Amino acid sequence: MRAVCVRWLGAAMVATAGTACAATPASAAQTRGAQAFSADTVVELARQKAARPYEAPVSTLPESYKSLDYDAYRDIRYRPEKARWRDAKLPFQAQFFHPGRSFQFPVVMHEVAEGKARPLAFSPELFTYGPLVKPGPLKKAEGFAGMRLSHPLNREDVFDELVVFQGASYFRALGRGSLYGLSARGLAIDTATSRPEEFPDFRELWLEKPSPGADRVVVHALMDSPSVTGAYRFTIIPGANTVMEVEATVFARKAVAELGVAPLTSMYLFGENDRGDYDDFRPEVHDSDGLFVWTRAGEQLWRPLQNPERINVSSFQVESPRAFGVLQRDTTFAHYEDLEAHYERRPSAWVEPVGDWGPGVVRLVELPTPDETNDNIVAFWVPKKTLGPGDSLKVAYKLHWGAHSPWPVTGSTVVATRVDAGDSWKGARLKDARPMRRFIIDFAALPDFAEDDVPVELVVSASSGKVLRPIATRHTPTGGWRATFELHPTTPVPTELRAFLKRGPETLTETWSYLWIP
């Protein structure tokens, strides 16, 4: 069974697989004064840390704060009037999270200005303590539990939350009009393997003070874990899609068997393709509904997510991908009917590699979850080359957070997947008691599609069983296409399915990929 730690990002609570939601105590970093700071400072700190044995964090937080319940922890709020850079009327403001509950190991915070880094001290005067906080104000702490940045994202006169760093190496961001949903993190190590998963922590954060009128803000992070250390630089550019330019240098203390680069973590409970046995008035419940992979050769692949009975691990071999992402394509309120969660406003996140990442795989992990409080979806890049003791890895990528693809859509995309017994086979059973299944795939309209006499064909392949009755028909209500086929299972094994539409030699759509589990 995987351990679960609860993390709060903004107003939302999400339970995440992990062994700790922690960062190191401040130690000497908290007490030193202003220090010279450059682009190489955190890299050198990570390099030095990797040369020393790992030191597990030790909490100095009072027991009364470790044992705060959910409501009591939420009753501690940062004072908006104390936001960093508020009085300077800069285009970004910073607020900090109070240590407590699952966040017992404070993160050391620094402000960088004029080439100097200065530590930011914890003070109870920065917070309000509501009546549920029985211990009263915390007298002192060696740091904070994380931080959030705000910016006039949706209106010029309102500072909206833009990005949050809190819990292990987790962070998340918003595009214009979005609400918090999926998360990213620094690294994934040994996720869904026979070895215990390792969760690196951001131990220190440095916030570069923005200039007046700046359209971006920079955050640096020092990461540590038993296996690796890392230096991260995030350039955050708010917009309709908020972009994070990420530069990371990772140093290995010991061999890392399974390194997950640019991991994304989300929640999928049920949707139109995988309803499960949920007795719920809502048609769908998920932060994300599919994995997107764009290969260097130009193929775009869409994999609808599932909430499986057992852990599913899928790998997509790609030579230096153009992009991959965990997306929330379904943005129609009526498909969720949730007036509180508003899943239709959860952002998608695309990872765009910078430079040649070489051979490797995009890995998708789907974990079973009984409810919507657990993040059960993880996707990341696994390079073919592994890290040995003393090795290092430099990687750069962009993270796009928002509702719309950062790139022009060149083919029709999948908008819905549905599965049933099929009209011809309802109630029918094979000799081995395997049921027939019909798959219905809806593709979006192509704006430049011209009608002619060349028919549109559905191309389907299956790793096992037989494909029957592949049909492509016009979806007249949307102007798109509906593809249907039936699968005749011949063995009781999971079946990989792929489908796309073509007309003559021309491919019209992305590739639909699906794992059918008997």
Protein backbone atom coordinates (compact mmCIF):
# COMPACT_ATOMS: atom_id res chain seq x y z
CA MET A 1 0.00 0.00 0.00
CA ARG A 2 1.32 3.44 -0.87
CA ALA A 3 1.76 6.02 1.83
CA VAL A 4 -0.38 9.12 1.52
CA CYS A 5 0.43 12.63 2.62
CA VAL A 6 -2.10 15.42 2.43
CA ARG A 7 -1.03 18.68 0.81
CA TRP A 8 -2.86 21.96 0.54
CA LEU A 9 -2.35 24.18 -2.48
CA GLY A 10 -4.29 27.40 -2.27
CA ALA A 11 -7.74 26.50 -0.97
CA ALA A 12 -7.68 22.93 -2.24
CA MET A 13 -6.76 19.76 -0.37
CA VAL A 14 -5.19 16.90 -2.32
CA ALA A 15 -3.86 13.60 -1.00
CA THR A 16 -0.65 12.53 -2.68
CA ALA A 17 1.31 9.30 -2.66
CA GLY A 18 4.47 9.83 -0.72
CA THR A 19 6.46 9.27 2.41
CA ALA A 20 6.62 12.89 3.51
CA CYS A 21 5.50 16.38 2.62
CA ALA A 22 8.69 17.84 3.90
CA ALA A 23 11.62 20.08 3.44
CA THR A 24 14.69 20.49 5.57
CA PRO A 25 15.06 22.68 8.65
CA ALA A 26 16.79 25.92 7.99
CA SER A 27 20.00 25.14 9.88
CA ALA A 28 22.78 27.55 8.97
CA ALA A 29 20.94 28.98 5.96
CA GLN A 30 18.42 30.73 8.20
CA THR A 31 21.03 32.49 10.27
CA ARG A 32 23.42 33.76 7.63
CA GLY A 33 22.93 37.31 6.35
CA ALA A 34 22.95 38.64 2.80
CA GLN A 35 25.01 36.48 0.47
CA ALA A 36 26.15 37.00 -3.10
CA PHE A 37 23.83 35.22 -5.51
CA SER A 38 24.18 34.30 -9.20
CA ALA A 39 22.72 31.82 -11.66
CA ASP A 40 25.30 29.25 -10.51
CA THR A 41 24.76 29.60 -6.76
CA VAL A 42 22.11 26.91 -6.34
CA VAL A 43 23.87 24.57 -8.79
CA GLU A 44 27.02 24.73 -6.68
CA LEU A 45 25.03 24.16 -3.47
CA ALA A 46 23.42 21.07 -5.02
CA ARG A 47 26.81 19.80 -6.20
CA GLN A 48 28.28 20.18 -2.70
CA LYS A 49 25.28 18.49 -1.07
CA ALA A 50 25.55 15.49 -3.42
CA ALA A 51 29.15 14.95 -2.31
CA ARG A 52 28.02 14.51 1.31
CA PRO A 53 25.87 11.77 2.90
CA TYR A 54 22.15 12.45 2.93
CA GLU A 55 20.83 14.10 6.08
CA ALA A 56 17.17 13.42 6.74
CA PRO A 57 15.24 16.47 7.95
CA VAL A 58 14.44 16.70 11.65
CA SER A 59 11.34 18.58 12.72
CA THR A 60 11.56 21.15 15.52
CA LEU A 61 7.88 22.03 15.24
CA PRO A 62 5.90 21.78 18.50
CA GLU A 63 3.76 18.66 18.77
CA SER A 64 0.61 20.78 18.99
CA TYR A 65 1.29 22.05 15.48
CA LYS A 66 2.18 18.64 14.10
CA SER A 67 -1.21 17.34 15.23
CA LEU A 68 -3.38 20.14 13.80
CA ASP A 69 -6.38 18.74 11.97
CA TYR A 70 -7.42 19.86 8.51
CA ASP A 71 -9.83 22.57 9.61
CA ALA A 72 -7.47 24.00 12.22
CA TYR A 73 -4.59 24.21 9.74
CA ARG A 74 -6.84 26.03 7.26
CA ASP A 75 -7.73 28.48 10.05
CA ILE A 76 -4.19 29.89 9.81
CA ARG A 77 -4.07 32.49 7.03
CA TYR A 78 -1.40 34.78 5.70
CA ARG A 79 -2.26 38.45 6.09
CA PRO A 80 -2.77 39.89 2.56
CA GLU A 81 -1.48 43.28 3.67
CA LYS A 82 1.85 41.61 4.55
CA ALA A 83 2.39 40.20 1.05
CA ARG A 84 5.96 40.62 -0.14
CA TRP A 85 6.36 43.45 -2.68
CA ARG A 86 2.81 44.72 -2.07
CA ASP A 87 3.97 48.11 -0.74
CA ALA A 88 6.39 48.47 -3.67
CA LYS A 89 3.42 48.05 -6.05
CA LEU A 90 5.27 45.48 -8.14
CA PRO A 91 3.42 43.26 -10.66
CA PHE A 92 3.96 40.16 -8.49
CA GLN A 93 3.37 39.52 -4.79
CA ALA A 94 4.54 36.66 -2.56
CA GLN A 95 2.82 35.05 0.42
CA PHE A 96 4.02 32.16 2.55
CA PHE A 97 2.44 29.07 4.11
CA HIS A 98 2.53 28.38 7.83
CA PRO A 99 4.28 25.17 8.98
CA GLY A 100 2.07 22.54 10.60
CA ARG A 101 0.10 19.33 10.12
CA SER A 102 1.76 17.47 7.20
CA PHE A 103 4.23 20.31 6.60
CA GLN A 104 6.49 19.82 9.59
CA PHE A 105 9.89 20.62 8.06
CA PRO A 106 10.02 24.31 7.11
CA VAL A 107 11.42 25.45 3.78
CA VAL A 108 14.01 28.20 3.97
CA MET A 109 12.99 31.26 1.94
CA HIS A 110 15.22 33.93 0.45
CA GLU A 111 14.68 37.13 -1.51
CA VAL A 112 17.21 37.96 -4.22
CA ALA A 113 17.77 41.63 -5.10
CA GLU A 114 20.75 43.47 -6.57
CA GLY A 115 22.83 40.29 -6.68
CA LYS A 116 22.31 39.48 -2.99
CA ALA A 117 20.20 36.77 -1.35
CA ARG A 118 18.67 37.60 2.02
CA PRO A 119 16.80 35.07 4.20
CA LEU A 120 13.13 35.78 4.94
CA ALA A 121 12.34 35.13 8.59
CA PHE A 122 9.19 33.51 9.91
CA SER A 123 7.03 35.66 12.16
CA PRO A 124 3.60 34.93 13.68
CA GLU A 125 2.69 38.54 12.87
CA LEU A 126 2.49 37.53 9.20
CA PHE A 127 -0.53 35.31 9.94
CA THR A 128 -3.98 35.36 11.48
CA TYR A 129 -4.83 32.48 13.82
CA GLY A 130 -8.51 31.58 13.90
CA PRO A 131 -10.43 30.10 16.85
CA LEU A 132 -9.80 26.52 15.69
CA VAL A 133 -6.04 26.96 16.25
CA LYS A 134 -6.01 25.93 19.92
CA PRO A 135 -2.21 26.25 20.40
CA GLY A 136 -2.43 29.92 19.45
CA PRO A 137 0.26 31.77 17.46
CA LEU A 138 3.48 29.86 16.78
CA LYS A 139 6.26 31.78 18.51
CA LYS A 140 9.04 30.86 16.11
CA ALA A 141 9.90 28.54 13.20
CA GLU A 142 12.94 27.97 11.04
CA GLY A 143 11.12 28.72 7.83
CA PHE A 144 7.79 28.39 6.06
CA ALA A 145 5.81 25.49 4.60
CA GLY A 146 5.93 26.83 1.06
CA MET A 147 4.94 29.91 -0.86
CA ARG A 148 2.58 31.28 -3.46
CA LEU A 149 2.91 34.06 -5.99
CA SER A 150 0.04 36.25 -7.19
CA HIS A 151 -0.37 38.52 -10.21
CA PRO A 152 -3.21 40.42 -11.98
CA LEU A 153 -3.92 37.33 -14.08
CA ASN A 154 -7.62 37.80 -14.83
CA ARG A 155 -8.17 41.49 -14.00
CA GLU A 156 -5.76 44.39 -13.84
CA ASP A 157 -7.05 45.47 -10.42
CA VAL A 158 -6.99 42.06 -8.68
CA PHE A 159 -3.98 39.96 -7.68
CA ASP A 160 -4.94 36.33 -8.38
CA GLU A 161 -2.99 33.28 -7.28
CA LEU A 162 -0.58 32.31 -10.04
CA VAL A 163 1.68 29.57 -8.70
CA VAL A 164 2.15 27.58 -5.51
CA PHE A 165 5.18 25.63 -4.22
CA GLN A 166 4.21 23.41 -1.28
CA GLY A 167 4.87 19.83 -0.21
CA ALA A 168 7.96 17.79 -1.23
CA SER A 169 8.89 19.12 -4.71
CA TYR A 170 5.29 19.75 -5.79
CA PHE A 171 4.17 22.94 -7.50
CA ARG A 172 1.25 24.04 -9.65
CA ALA A 173 0.21 27.05 -11.69
CA LEU A 174 -2.82 28.65 -13.31
CA GLY A 175 -3.60 30.06 -16.70
CA ARG A 176 -6.21 32.76 -17.18
CA GLY A 177 -9.66 31.59 -16.05
CA SER A 178 -8.38 28.33 -14.54
CA LEU A 179 -8.74 26.79 -11.08
CA TYR A 180 -6.09 24.63 -9.43
CA GLY A 181 -6.10 21.03 -10.61
CA LEU A 182 -3.12 18.90 -11.53
CA SER A 183 0.38 19.40 -10.13
CA ALA A 184 3.96 19.09 -11.30
CA ARG A 185 7.02 18.19 -9.26
CA GLY A 186 10.77 18.31 -9.53
CA LEU A 187 11.47 14.60 -10.06
CA ALA A 188 9.81 11.21 -9.71
CA ILE A 189 12.05 8.38 -8.46
CA ASP A 190 11.05 4.70 -8.60
CA THR A 191 7.37 5.47 -9.18
CA ALA A 192 5.24 2.29 -9.50
CA THR A 193 8.21 -0.06 -9.24
CA SER A 194 9.04 -2.89 -6.84
CA ARG A 195 11.16 -0.39 -4.88
CA PRO A 196 9.70 2.17 -2.45
CA GLU A 197 9.06 5.47 -4.20
CA GLU A 198 11.37 8.31 -3.23
CA PHE A 199 10.00 11.84 -2.97
CA PRO A 200 12.68 14.57 -3.25
CA ASP A 201 12.04 17.80 -1.34
CA PHE A 202 12.63 21.43 -2.22
CA ARG A 203 14.68 22.43 0.83
CA GLU A 204 15.25 26.10 0.01
CA LEU A 205 13.59 28.61 -2.33
CA TRP A 206 14.97 31.90 -3.67
CA LEU A 207 12.57 34.53 -5.04
CA GLU A 208 14.08 37.09 -7.37
CA LYS A 209 12.52 40.47 -6.70
CA PRO A 210 10.86 41.56 -9.97
CA SER A 211 11.38 45.00 -11.46
CA PRO A 212 8.47 47.43 -11.93
CA GLY A 213 6.49 46.45 -15.01
CA ALA A 214 8.08 42.96 -15.20
CA ASP A 215 6.13 40.38 -17.18
CA ARG A 216 7.81 37.42 -15.46
CA VAL A 217 9.22 36.31 -12.13
CA VAL A 218 12.04 33.89 -11.31
CA VAL A 219 12.17 31.28 -8.53
CA HIS A 220 15.15 29.04 -7.70
CA ALA A 221 14.88 25.80 -5.71
CA LEU A 222 17.38 23.49 -4.02
CA MET A 223 16.21 19.87 -4.05
CA ASP A 224 17.43 17.00 -1.87
CA SER A 225 16.66 13.31 -1.34
CA PRO A 226 18.57 10.14 -0.38
CA SER A 227 19.50 9.51 -4.04
CA VAL A 228 19.84 12.94 -5.66
CA THR A 229 20.22 16.65 -5.20
CA GLY A 230 19.09 19.23 -7.72
CA ALA A 231 19.15 22.90 -8.66
CA TYR A 232 16.04 24.29 -10.35
CA ARG A 233 15.37 27.63 -11.97
CA PHE A 234 11.75 28.53 -12.81
CA THR A 235 10.99 31.53 -15.01
CA ILE A 236 7.23 32.07 -14.65
CA ILE A 237 5.41 34.03 -17.36
CA PRO A 238 1.68 34.56 -16.65
CA GLY A 239 -0.92 34.64 -19.41
CA ALA A 240 -3.88 32.84 -20.98
CA ASN A 241 -1.50 29.89 -20.74
CA THR A 242 1.02 30.50 -17.98
CA VAL A 243 4.47 29.32 -19.07
CA MET A 244 7.21 28.04 -16.79
CA GLU A 245 10.68 27.83 -18.28
CA VAL A 246 12.42 25.16 -16.22
CA GLU A 247 16.17 24.58 -16.05
CA ALA A 248 17.33 21.71 -13.83
CA THR A 249 20.70 20.24 -12.90
CA VAL A 250 20.50 16.95 -10.99
CA PHE A 251 23.40 15.23 -9.16
CA ALA A 252 23.23 11.57 -8.11
CA ARG A 253 24.50 10.41 -4.73
CA LYS A 254 23.76 6.82 -5.69
CA ALA A 255 22.37 4.89 -8.65
CA VAL A 256 18.83 5.77 -9.66
CA ALA A 257 17.08 2.88 -11.37
CA GLU A 258 13.97 4.75 -12.51
CA LEU A 259 14.26 8.50 -12.97
CA GLY A 260 11.09 10.39 -13.91
CA VAL A 261 11.76 13.79 -15.51
CA ALA A 262 9.11 16.55 -15.60
CA PRO A 263 6.48 14.52 -13.73
CA LEU A 264 2.84 15.57 -13.76
CA THR A 265 0.37 14.33 -11.15
CA SER A 266 -3.42 14.44 -11.40
CA MET A 267 -6.73 12.87 -10.36
CA TYR A 268 -9.11 10.74 -12.41
CA LEU A 269 -12.07 9.15 -10.62
CA PHE A 270 -14.54 8.42 -13.42
CA GLY A 271 -15.62 9.70 -16.84
CA GLU A 272 -17.60 8.72 -19.90
CA ASN A 273 -15.20 5.92 -20.85
CA ASP A 274 -14.79 4.53 -17.32
CA ARG A 275 -17.85 5.04 -15.10
CA GLY A 276 -16.96 2.36 -12.56
CA ASP A 277 -19.55 1.61 -9.87
CA TYR A 278 -19.89 5.14 -8.52
CA ASP A 279 -23.34 6.14 -7.32
CA ASP A 280 -22.84 9.83 -8.03
CA PHE A 281 -25.12 12.47 -9.55
CA ARG A 282 -22.18 13.95 -11.46
CA PRO A 283 -21.55 12.58 -14.97
CA GLU A 284 -17.75 12.84 -14.60
CA VAL A 285 -15.22 13.58 -11.86
CA HIS A 286 -11.60 14.25 -12.82
CA ASP A 287 -8.92 16.94 -12.90
CA SER A 288 -7.59 15.50 -16.18
CA ASP A 289 -9.03 13.16 -18.78
CA GLY A 290 -6.11 12.08 -20.96
CA LEU A 291 -2.41 11.80 -21.75
CA PHE A 292 -1.11 13.59 -24.84
CA VAL A 293 2.14 12.56 -26.55
CA TRP A 294 3.65 14.29 -29.61
CA THR A 295 6.51 12.40 -31.22
CA ARG A 296 9.48 13.84 -33.06
CA ALA A 297 8.14 12.15 -36.22
CA GLY A 298 4.95 14.19 -35.93
CA GLU A 299 2.43 11.63 -34.63
CA GLN A 300 0.11 12.95 -31.94
CA LEU A 301 -1.33 10.37 -29.57
CA TRP A 302 -4.23 10.61 -27.12
CA ARG A 303 -4.66 8.12 -24.26
CA PRO A 304 -7.92 8.47 -22.24
CA LEU A 305 -7.31 8.01 -18.52
CA GLN A 306 -8.83 5.27 -16.38
CA ASN A 307 -9.30 4.46 -12.69
CA PRO A 308 -8.18 0.81 -12.72
CA GLU A 309 -8.79 -1.98 -10.25
CA ARG A 310 -5.02 -2.56 -10.10
CA ILE A 311 -2.05 -0.36 -10.95
CA ASN A 312 -1.62 0.19 -14.69
CA VAL A 313 1.78 1.21 -16.04
CA SER A 314 1.97 2.13 -19.74
CA SER A 315 5.10 3.17 -21.62
CA PHE A 316 5.28 5.03 -24.93
CA GLN A 317 8.69 4.79 -26.55
CA VAL A 318 9.63 8.15 -28.03
CA GLU A 319 12.90 9.53 -29.36
CA SER A 320 13.16 13.01 -27.81
CA PRO A 321 9.44 13.92 -27.74
CA ARG A 322 8.21 17.24 -29.04
CA ALA A 323 5.78 17.40 -26.14
CA PHE A 324 3.69 15.39 -23.72
CA GLY A 325 1.07 16.43 -21.23
CA VAL A 326 -1.78 15.53 -18.92
CA LEU A 327 -4.82 17.41 -20.18
CA GLN A 328 -8.35 18.33 -19.22
CA ARG A 329 -9.88 18.50 -22.70
CA ASP A 330 -13.48 18.33 -21.57
CA THR A 331 -14.30 21.90 -20.50
CA THR A 332 -18.12 21.74 -20.58
CA PHE A 333 -19.82 22.38 -17.23
CA ALA A 334 -22.79 20.10 -18.06
CA HIS A 335 -20.38 17.15 -18.28
CA TYR A 336 -19.53 17.57 -14.56
CA GLU A 337 -22.45 19.46 -12.94
CA ASP A 338 -20.27 20.32 -9.94
CA LEU A 339 -20.94 23.83 -8.62
CA GLU A 340 -18.11 23.61 -6.05
CA ALA A 341 -15.22 21.82 -7.76
CA HIS A 342 -15.81 23.21 -11.28
CA TYR A 343 -13.76 20.49 -12.92
CA GLU A 344 -14.40 22.11 -16.30
CA ARG A 345 -12.00 24.88 -15.25
CA ARG A 346 -9.08 22.66 -14.25
CA PRO A 347 -6.00 23.44 -16.37
CA SER A 348 -4.09 21.17 -18.69
CA ALA A 349 -0.29 21.01 -18.48
CA TRP A 350 2.00 20.40 -21.47
CA VAL A 351 5.70 19.60 -21.14
CA GLU A 352 7.74 20.99 -24.05
CA PRO A 353 11.34 19.68 -23.98
CA VAL A 354 14.07 22.18 -24.81
CA GLY A 355 16.94 20.59 -26.74
CA ASP A 356 17.41 16.91 -27.56
CA TRP A 357 16.28 14.62 -24.75
CA GLY A 358 17.47 11.52 -26.61
CA PRO A 359 15.85 8.07 -26.40
CA GLY A 360 13.44 7.18 -23.62
CA VAL A 361 9.79 6.61 -22.83
CA VAL A 362 6.81 8.63 -21.69
CA ARG A 363 5.43 6.64 -18.80
CA LEU A 364 1.84 6.75 -17.56
CA VAL A 365 0.95 5.36 -14.15
CA GLU A 366 -2.73 4.91 -13.26
CA LEU A 367 -3.45 4.01 -9.62
CA PRO A 368 -6.79 2.85 -8.23
CA THR A 369 -8.55 5.42 -6.05
CA PRO A 370 -11.88 5.22 -4.19
CA ASP A 371 -12.52 8.97 -4.17
CA GLU A 372 -11.50 12.31 -5.61
CA THR A 373 -9.15 13.36 -2.79
CA ASN A 374 -6.31 11.20 -4.12
CA ASP A 375 -3.95 12.05 -6.95
CA ASN A 376 -3.84 8.72 -8.80
CA ILE A 377 -2.37 9.68 -12.20
CA VAL A 378 1.33 10.26 -12.85
CA ALA A 379 3.07 10.88 -16.19
CA PHE A 380 6.77 11.57 -16.75
CA TRP A 381 9.73 11.08 -19.09
CA VAL A 382 12.17 8.25 -18.37
CA PRO A 383 15.50 8.70 -20.19
CA LYS A 384 17.11 5.54 -21.48
CA LYS A 385 20.42 6.52 -19.89
CA THR A 386 20.34 5.89 -16.16
CA LEU A 387 22.08 7.89 -13.44
CA GLY A 388 24.94 6.25 -11.54
CA PRO A 389 26.70 7.51 -8.40
CA GLY A 390 28.43 10.80 -9.16
CA ASP A 391 26.57 11.29 -12.46
CA SER A 392 24.72 14.48 -13.29
CA LEU A 393 21.87 15.39 -15.62
CA LYS A 394 21.03 18.79 -17.11
CA VAL A 395 17.57 19.18 -18.56
CA ALA A 396 15.44 22.08 -19.73
CA TYR A 397 11.77 22.27 -20.65
CA LYS A 398 8.76 24.54 -20.72
CA LEU A 399 5.57 23.85 -18.81
CA HIS A 400 2.41 25.33 -20.33
CA TRP A 401 -0.54 25.63 -17.88
CA GLY A 402 -3.96 26.52 -19.28
CA ALA A 403 -7.01 25.50 -21.24
CA HIS A 404 -5.77 25.64 -24.83
CA SER A 405 -3.00 23.92 -26.77
CA PRO A 406 0.16 26.04 -27.07
CA TRP A 407 0.49 24.92 -30.70
CA PRO A 408 -1.83 25.09 -33.71
CA VAL A 409 -3.98 21.97 -34.02
CA THR A 410 -3.03 20.23 -37.27
CA GLY A 411 -5.42 17.29 -37.12
CA SER A 412 -8.73 16.39 -35.53
CA THR A 413 -8.47 15.60 -31.82
CA VAL A 414 -10.35 13.05 -29.74
CA VAL A 415 -13.11 14.69 -27.71
CA ALA A 416 -14.85 11.64 -26.18
CA THR A 417 -14.45 7.90 -25.72
CA ARG A 418 -17.32 5.59 -24.77
CA VAL A 419 -17.53 1.82 -24.33
CA ASP A 420 -20.50 -0.56 -24.30
CA ALA A 421 -21.56 -4.08 -25.28
CA GLY A 422 -22.60 -3.06 -28.78
CA ASP A 423 -26.07 -3.33 -30.33
CA SER A 424 -25.30 -6.66 -31.99
CA TRP A 425 -23.78 -8.30 -28.95
CA LYS A 426 -25.64 -7.06 -25.90
CA GLY A 427 -25.99 -10.01 -23.56
CA ALA A 428 -23.91 -12.27 -25.81
CA ARG A 429 -20.95 -14.20 -24.44
CA LEU A 430 -18.09 -16.06 -26.04
CA LYS A 431 -17.22 -19.63 -25.15
CA ASP A 432 -14.53 -18.37 -22.78
CA ALA A 433 -17.07 -15.99 -21.17
CA ARG A 434 -15.33 -12.89 -22.51
CA PRO A 435 -17.84 -10.16 -23.50
CA MET A 436 -17.82 -8.27 -26.76
CA ARG A 437 -17.05 -4.56 -26.39
CA ARG A 438 -17.95 -1.66 -28.67
CA PHE A 439 -15.84 1.48 -28.71
CA ILE A 440 -17.24 4.85 -29.78
CA ILE A 441 -14.69 7.60 -30.43
CA ASP A 442 -15.75 11.15 -31.25
CA PHE A 443 -13.30 13.39 -33.12
CA ALA A 444 -13.51 17.17 -33.31
CA ALA A 445 -14.41 19.01 -36.50
CA LEU A 446 -11.67 19.98 -38.96
CA PRO A 447 -12.18 23.62 -39.96
CA ASP A 448 -10.52 23.21 -43.35
CA PHE A 449 -12.09 19.84 -44.20
CA ALA A 450 -13.40 19.78 -47.78
CA GLU A 451 -16.00 17.22 -48.80
CA ASP A 452 -15.17 15.05 -51.82
CA ASP A 453 -15.81 11.54 -53.11
CA VAL A 454 -12.88 9.94 -51.27
CA PRO A 455 -14.28 8.10 -48.24
CA VAL A 456 -12.99 8.61 -44.71
CA GLU A 457 -11.71 5.36 -43.26
CA LEU A 458 -11.25 4.16 -39.70
CA VAL A 459 -7.95 2.34 -39.16
CA VAL A 460 -7.91 0.15 -36.03
CA SER A 461 -5.34 -2.24 -34.62
CA ALA A 462 -5.48 -4.49 -31.53
CA SER A 463 -2.73 -6.35 -29.70
CA SER A 464 -5.06 -9.33 -29.24
CA GLY A 465 -8.54 -10.38 -30.30
CA LYS A 466 -10.37 -9.44 -33.49
CA VAL A 467 -11.62 -6.04 -34.61
CA LEU A 468 -15.11 -6.12 -36.19
CA ARG A 469 -17.24 -3.53 -37.97
CA PRO A 470 -14.93 -0.48 -38.09
CA ILE A 471 -17.06 2.45 -39.25
CA ALA A 472 -16.46 6.20 -39.60
CA THR A 473 -19.52 8.42 -39.89
CA ARG A 474 -20.14 12.16 -39.87
CA HIS A 475 -21.00 13.56 -36.45
CA THR A 476 -23.48 16.06 -37.82
CA PRO A 477 -24.25 17.92 -34.54
CA THR A 478 -20.59 18.97 -34.19
CA GLY A 479 -19.31 18.71 -37.76
CA GLY A 480 -16.75 16.17 -36.57
CA TRP A 481 -16.54 12.41 -36.94
CA ARG A 482 -17.66 9.38 -34.96
CA ALA A 483 -15.62 6.18 -35.18
CA THR A 484 -17.03 2.87 -33.92
CA PHE A 485 -15.76 -0.69 -33.86
CA GLU A 486 -16.27 -3.87 -31.86
CA LEU A 487 -13.59 -5.93 -30.18
CA HIS A 488 -13.95 -9.71 -30.15
CA PRO A 489 -11.62 -10.86 -27.33
CA THR A 490 -10.03 -14.26 -27.89
CA THR A 491 -7.92 -14.39 -24.71
CA PRO A 492 -8.52 -12.90 -21.25
CA VAL A 493 -5.62 -10.45 -21.39
CA PRO A 494 -5.39 -6.64 -21.52
CA THR A 495 -5.57 -5.39 -25.10
CA GLU A 496 -3.81 -2.33 -26.52
CA LEU A 497 -5.99 -0.57 -29.10
CA ARG A 498 -5.04 2.14 -31.60
CA ALA A 499 -7.30 3.97 -34.03
CA PHE A 500 -7.23 6.98 -36.36
CA LEU A 501 -9.09 8.33 -39.37
CA LYS A 502 -7.62 8.78 -42.82
CA ARG A 503 -8.77 9.75 -46.30
CA GLY A 504 -6.69 8.21 -49.04
CA PRO A 505 -3.03 8.70 -47.98
CA GLU A 506 -3.91 11.62 -45.69
CA THR A 507 -4.12 11.11 -41.92
CA LEU A 508 -6.96 13.28 -40.58
CA THR A 509 -6.73 12.77 -36.83
CA GLU A 510 -4.45 12.13 -33.92
CA THR A 511 -3.99 8.51 -32.85
CA TRP A 512 -6.41 7.25 -30.21
CA SER A 513 -4.71 4.78 -27.85
CA TYR A 514 -6.56 2.73 -25.27
CA LEU A 515 -5.86 -0.12 -22.86
CA TRP A 516 -8.89 -2.40 -22.57
CA ILE A 517 -8.78 -4.56 -19.46
CA PRO A 518 -11.14 -7.58 -19.29
